[in-house]
Amino acid sequence: MRTVAIVQARMGSSRLPNKVMMELCGHPALWHIYDRIRRSKRVDEFVIATSSMPENDGIEAFAMKNGISVFRGSEDNVLERVYLAAKKANADAVVRLTGDNVLVCAEIIDAGAVYFEQEGSLDYLYYREGLPLGLAVEIIKYDALECAYLEAADAECLEHVTPYLYRNPQRFCCHRHVGLGEDCSKIRWTMDTPEDYELIEKIYAELYKEGEYFGYLDALQEYKKNAAWPALNQSVLQKKISYQGEARENNKGTVNEKG
């Protein structure tokens, strides 16, 4: 199975403009995402999917400078952008990521990819419940992504990529994997506001060393040691959207701003 990690990234952001290029320990946030994912044993290619808007020219230049694959597509139809990027990369499965999540972990991606392959019948996997916001990953079978691209029409599905799949459980096999151990889902490690950036800066300043890698448990241990850190962004409200369909239970998903 050819697994392609696709990160949605753009310069426009209502709460933290240019966040994907904001520096952490001397590198842009987007560089750190790439540096962390390239350590995965299951990801065959990393692609930045940005929009064709001129404001994103800097993202393309960054990708080319660093030898990273880049695809440019629609600003608002993110489903189309991700699908076309996956098609170009000859993906069998897509690990969908966003430019908000600069603490994404290779070991979590790999565990999710193993689970996805072992289950075999899955079209969509959310891996995993209980992680801090910003660490869970979505894995999508290419054929299911193609169906969503061809059939989805409403604005929410086009912007947020995966809702069409779990809004139609009679057609797609979707699963939200519940992790074992401590529930850390109330910890906010995404980077969507200045308060988030302040926290992420502190985590990186404490743990990042050039050429080395720190994982989820390293970050969690440091987070718990610094009692003042949770207060930095605990008042930030995450944007939420509820997806409701006909003749089924309501599915509620928490999403980041479109990438």
Protein backbone atom coordinates (compact mmCIF):
# COMPACT_ATOMS: atom_id res chain seq x y z
CA MET A 1 0.00 0.00 0.00
CA ARG A 2 1.43 3.35 -1.06
CA THR A 3 0.71 5.81 1.76
CA VAL A 4 0.98 9.52 1.07
CA ALA A 5 0.88 12.19 3.79
CA ILE A 6 -0.85 15.32 2.52
CA VAL A 7 -0.68 18.46 4.62
CA GLN A 8 -3.14 21.25 3.83
CA ALA A 9 -1.35 24.56 4.19
CA ARG A 10 -2.06 28.13 3.19
CA MET A 11 -1.02 31.59 4.28
CA GLY A 12 -4.51 32.92 4.93
CA SER A 13 -5.86 32.40 8.44
CA SER A 14 -8.40 34.54 10.25
CA ARG A 15 -6.93 34.00 13.72
CA LEU A 16 -3.20 33.56 13.02
CA PRO A 17 -2.18 34.80 9.55
CA ASN A 18 0.90 33.18 7.95
CA LYS A 19 1.03 30.60 10.75
CA VAL A 20 2.54 27.85 8.59
CA MET A 21 5.63 29.99 8.05
CA MET A 22 5.99 31.29 11.62
CA GLU A 23 9.35 30.34 13.11
CA LEU A 24 9.99 27.76 15.78
CA CYS A 25 13.63 27.30 16.78
CA GLY A 26 14.86 28.85 13.56
CA HIS A 27 12.64 26.93 11.11
CA PRO A 28 9.14 27.59 9.70
CA ALA A 29 6.33 25.58 11.28
CA LEU A 30 5.78 23.80 7.97
CA TRP A 31 9.41 22.64 7.95
CA HIS A 32 8.93 21.06 11.38
CA ILE A 33 5.83 19.20 10.18
CA TYR A 34 7.83 17.79 7.28
CA ASP A 35 10.82 16.99 9.51
CA ARG A 36 8.62 15.04 11.91
CA ILE A 37 6.67 13.13 9.27
CA ARG A 38 9.75 12.16 7.25
CA ARG A 39 10.72 9.95 10.20
CA SER A 40 7.66 7.79 9.61
CA LYS A 41 8.31 4.21 8.52
CA ARG A 42 4.92 3.99 6.80
CA VAL A 43 4.69 7.22 4.79
CA ASP A 44 6.04 6.86 1.25
CA GLU A 45 5.70 10.50 0.20
CA PHE A 46 4.98 13.86 1.81
CA VAL A 47 3.00 16.44 -0.18
CA ILE A 48 2.10 20.02 0.69
CA ALA A 49 -1.32 20.84 -0.78
CA THR A 50 -1.75 24.60 -0.96
CA SER A 51 -4.03 26.82 -2.98
CA SER A 52 -3.32 28.61 -6.24
CA MET A 53 -3.83 32.03 -4.63
CA PRO A 54 -0.75 34.29 -5.16
CA GLU A 55 -0.38 34.73 -1.40
CA ASN A 56 0.70 31.08 -1.25
CA ASP A 57 3.60 31.48 -3.69
CA GLY A 58 5.92 31.50 -0.67
CA ILE A 59 4.75 28.03 0.34
CA GLU A 60 5.56 26.67 -3.11
CA ALA A 61 8.98 28.36 -3.02
CA PHE A 62 9.64 26.87 0.41
CA ALA A 63 8.69 23.39 -0.82
CA MET A 64 10.90 23.61 -3.90
CA LYS A 65 13.85 24.89 -1.85
CA ASN A 66 13.55 21.94 0.52
CA GLY A 67 12.88 19.25 -2.09
CA ILE A 68 9.30 18.71 -0.89
CA SER A 69 6.48 17.76 -3.27
CA VAL A 70 3.86 20.48 -3.63
CA PHE A 71 0.44 20.60 -5.26
CA ARG A 72 -1.59 23.77 -5.85
CA GLY A 73 -5.34 23.76 -6.29
CA SER A 74 -8.59 25.31 -5.16
CA GLU A 75 -8.65 27.72 -2.22
CA ASP A 76 -12.13 26.80 -1.01
CA ASN A 77 -12.71 23.29 -2.40
CA VAL A 78 -10.15 21.60 -0.18
CA LEU A 79 -11.62 18.16 -0.93
CA GLU A 80 -10.76 18.65 -4.60
CA ARG A 81 -7.29 19.93 -3.71
CA VAL A 82 -6.50 16.93 -1.52
CA TYR A 83 -7.98 14.45 -3.98
CA LEU A 84 -6.01 15.80 -6.94
CA ALA A 85 -2.83 15.87 -4.86
CA ALA A 86 -3.43 12.22 -3.90
CA LYS A 87 -4.11 11.28 -7.52
CA LYS A 88 -0.92 12.95 -8.71
CA ALA A 89 1.06 11.12 -6.01
CA ASN A 90 -0.47 7.71 -6.94
CA ALA A 91 -1.68 7.20 -3.39
CA ASP A 92 -3.46 4.08 -2.21
CA ALA A 93 -4.10 5.69 1.17
CA VAL A 94 -3.88 9.30 2.34
CA VAL A 95 -2.79 10.53 5.76
CA ARG A 96 -4.57 13.87 5.96
CA LEU A 97 -2.88 16.57 8.03
CA THR A 98 -3.16 20.33 8.42
CA GLY A 99 -0.63 23.12 8.81
CA ASP A 100 -1.92 23.83 12.32
CA ASN A 101 -0.46 20.68 13.80
CA VAL A 102 3.27 21.14 14.35
CA LEU A 103 3.53 18.45 17.03
CA VAL A 104 2.27 15.67 14.77
CA CYS A 105 4.13 12.46 15.62
CA ALA A 106 5.61 9.88 13.27
CA GLU A 107 4.94 7.07 15.74
CA ILE A 108 1.23 7.93 15.91
CA ILE A 109 1.00 8.03 12.12
CA ASP A 110 2.75 4.67 11.91
CA ALA A 111 0.49 3.07 14.52
CA GLY A 112 -2.56 4.40 12.67
CA ALA A 113 -1.25 3.13 9.32
CA VAL A 114 -0.63 -0.35 10.77
CA TYR A 115 -4.14 -0.43 12.23
CA PHE A 116 -5.62 0.78 8.92
CA GLU A 117 -3.83 -1.93 6.95
CA GLN A 118 -4.63 -4.71 9.43
CA GLU A 119 -8.34 -3.88 9.45
CA GLY A 120 -8.39 -4.06 5.67
CA SER A 121 -12.01 -3.03 5.12
CA LEU A 122 -11.72 0.54 6.41
CA ASP A 123 -12.39 3.49 4.13
CA TYR A 124 -11.68 6.10 6.80
CA LEU A 125 -9.88 6.03 10.13
CA TYR A 126 -9.64 8.71 12.81
CA TYR A 127 -6.66 7.69 14.93
CA ARG A 128 -7.00 8.24 17.82
CA GLU A 129 -9.47 9.55 20.38
CA GLY A 130 -7.92 10.73 23.63
CA LEU A 131 -4.85 12.43 22.17
CA PRO A 132 -4.26 16.17 22.62
CA LEU A 133 -5.94 18.26 19.94
CA GLY A 134 -3.47 18.43 17.06
CA LEU A 135 -2.01 14.92 17.27
CA ALA A 136 -4.74 12.65 15.93
CA VAL A 137 -4.51 11.72 12.25
CA GLU A 138 -7.03 10.83 9.58
CA ILE A 139 -6.31 8.04 7.10
CA ILE A 140 -8.43 7.70 3.98
CA LYS A 141 -8.52 5.01 1.32
CA TYR A 142 -7.93 6.60 -2.09
CA ASP A 143 -11.02 5.02 -3.65
CA ALA A 144 -13.20 6.47 -0.89
CA LEU A 145 -11.60 9.89 -1.31
CA GLU A 146 -12.33 9.70 -5.04
CA CYS A 147 -15.99 8.88 -4.35
CA ALA A 148 -16.25 11.88 -2.03
CA TYR A 149 -14.66 14.11 -4.68
CA LEU A 150 -17.09 12.93 -7.36
CA GLU A 151 -20.23 13.02 -5.24
CA ALA A 152 -19.96 15.60 -2.44
CA ALA A 153 -21.64 18.92 -3.15
CA ASP A 154 -22.33 20.88 0.04
CA ALA A 155 -19.87 23.51 1.24
CA GLU A 156 -19.03 21.78 4.53
CA CYS A 157 -17.93 18.57 2.82
CA LEU A 158 -15.90 20.44 0.21
CA GLU A 159 -14.11 22.54 2.82
CA HIS A 160 -13.43 19.88 5.46
CA VAL A 161 -12.63 16.90 3.16
CA THR A 162 -13.76 13.91 5.23
CA PRO A 163 -17.36 14.61 6.40
CA TYR A 164 -18.92 13.09 3.28
CA LEU A 165 -17.44 9.74 4.30
CA TYR A 166 -18.73 9.56 7.85
CA ARG A 167 -22.02 11.18 6.93
CA ASN A 168 -22.69 8.12 4.79
CA PRO A 169 -21.96 5.12 7.03
CA GLN A 170 -24.13 2.88 4.86
CA ARG A 171 -21.61 3.33 2.03
CA PHE A 172 -18.26 3.79 3.74
CA CYS A 173 -16.62 1.85 6.55
CA CYS A 174 -15.51 4.56 8.99
CA HIS A 175 -13.97 4.14 12.42
CA ARG A 176 -12.84 6.40 15.24
CA HIS A 177 -10.20 4.50 17.18
CA VAL A 178 -10.32 4.99 20.94
CA GLY A 179 -6.87 5.03 22.48
CA LEU A 180 -5.93 3.31 25.68
CA GLY A 181 -4.58 5.02 28.76
CA GLU A 182 -4.85 8.62 29.86
CA ASP A 183 -7.44 10.86 28.18
CA CYS A 184 -5.58 14.00 27.07
CA SER A 185 -8.24 15.26 24.66
CA LYS A 186 -8.68 18.53 26.59
CA ILE A 187 -5.06 19.51 25.94
CA ARG A 188 -4.77 21.93 23.04
CA TRP A 189 -1.63 21.45 20.93
CA THR A 190 -2.83 22.86 17.64
CA MET A 191 -1.55 26.27 16.45
CA ASP A 192 -4.43 28.47 15.36
CA THR A 193 -4.15 31.56 17.58
CA PRO A 194 -1.39 33.73 19.11
CA GLU A 195 -2.00 31.97 22.43
CA ASP A 196 -1.46 28.59 20.79
CA TYR A 197 1.74 29.82 19.18
CA GLU A 198 3.07 30.98 22.55
CA LEU A 199 2.56 27.50 24.00
CA ILE A 200 4.03 25.69 21.00
CA GLU A 201 7.06 28.01 21.11
CA LYS A 202 7.69 27.01 24.72
CA ILE A 203 7.38 23.29 23.97
CA TYR A 204 9.82 23.56 21.07
CA ALA A 205 12.24 25.75 23.02
CA GLU A 206 12.37 23.12 25.75
CA LEU A 207 12.53 19.96 23.65
CA TYR A 208 13.77 20.65 20.12
CA LYS A 209 17.40 19.95 19.24
CA GLU A 210 18.65 20.31 15.66
CA GLY A 211 18.69 16.96 13.89
CA GLU A 212 16.89 15.15 16.70
CA TYR A 213 13.28 14.15 17.30
CA PHE A 214 10.99 14.37 20.30
CA GLY A 215 7.79 12.37 20.52
CA TYR A 216 4.37 12.70 22.05
CA LEU A 217 5.31 11.28 25.44
CA ASP A 218 8.33 13.60 25.67
CA ALA A 219 6.08 16.61 25.02
CA LEU A 220 3.43 15.37 27.46
CA GLN A 221 5.98 14.87 30.23
CA GLU A 222 7.33 18.40 29.74
CA TYR A 223 3.81 19.85 29.54
CA LYS A 224 2.91 18.32 32.89
CA LYS A 225 6.11 19.63 34.50
CA ASN A 226 5.32 23.24 33.55
CA ALA A 227 2.22 24.17 35.50
CA ALA A 228 1.83 27.56 33.79
CA TRP A 229 1.69 26.17 30.25
CA PRO A 230 -1.94 24.94 30.17
CA ALA A 231 -3.21 28.40 31.08
CA LEU A 232 -1.60 29.96 28.01
CA ASN A 233 -4.31 28.75 25.62
CA GLN A 234 -6.97 27.09 27.75
CA SER A 235 -9.42 29.93 27.04
CA VAL A 236 -9.22 29.43 23.26
CA LEU A 237 -12.41 27.99 21.82
CA GLN A 238 -11.93 25.40 19.11
CA LYS A 239 -14.11 25.84 16.04
CA LYS A 240 -16.62 23.01 15.98
CA ILE A 241 -19.04 21.77 13.38
CA SER A 242 -21.75 19.14 13.68
CA TYR A 243 -22.58 16.91 10.73
CA GLN A 244 -26.10 15.56 10.66
CA GLY A 245 -27.52 13.16 8.13
CA GLU A 246 -30.82 11.52 7.37
CA ALA A 247 -31.85 8.37 9.23
CA ARG A 248 -28.73 8.03 11.36
CA GLU A 249 -27.22 9.16 14.64
CA ASN A 250 -25.65 12.59 14.66
CA ASN A 251 -21.92 12.59 14.00
CA LYS A 252 -20.04 15.39 15.66
CA GLY A 253 -16.56 16.29 14.51
CA THR A 254 -14.07 18.86 15.67
CA VAL A 255 -12.21 20.46 12.82
CA ASN A 256 -9.42 22.93 12.33
CA GLU A 257 -9.69 25.89 10.02
CA LYS A 258 -9.40 24.92 6.37
CA GLY A 259 -5.84 24.46 5.22
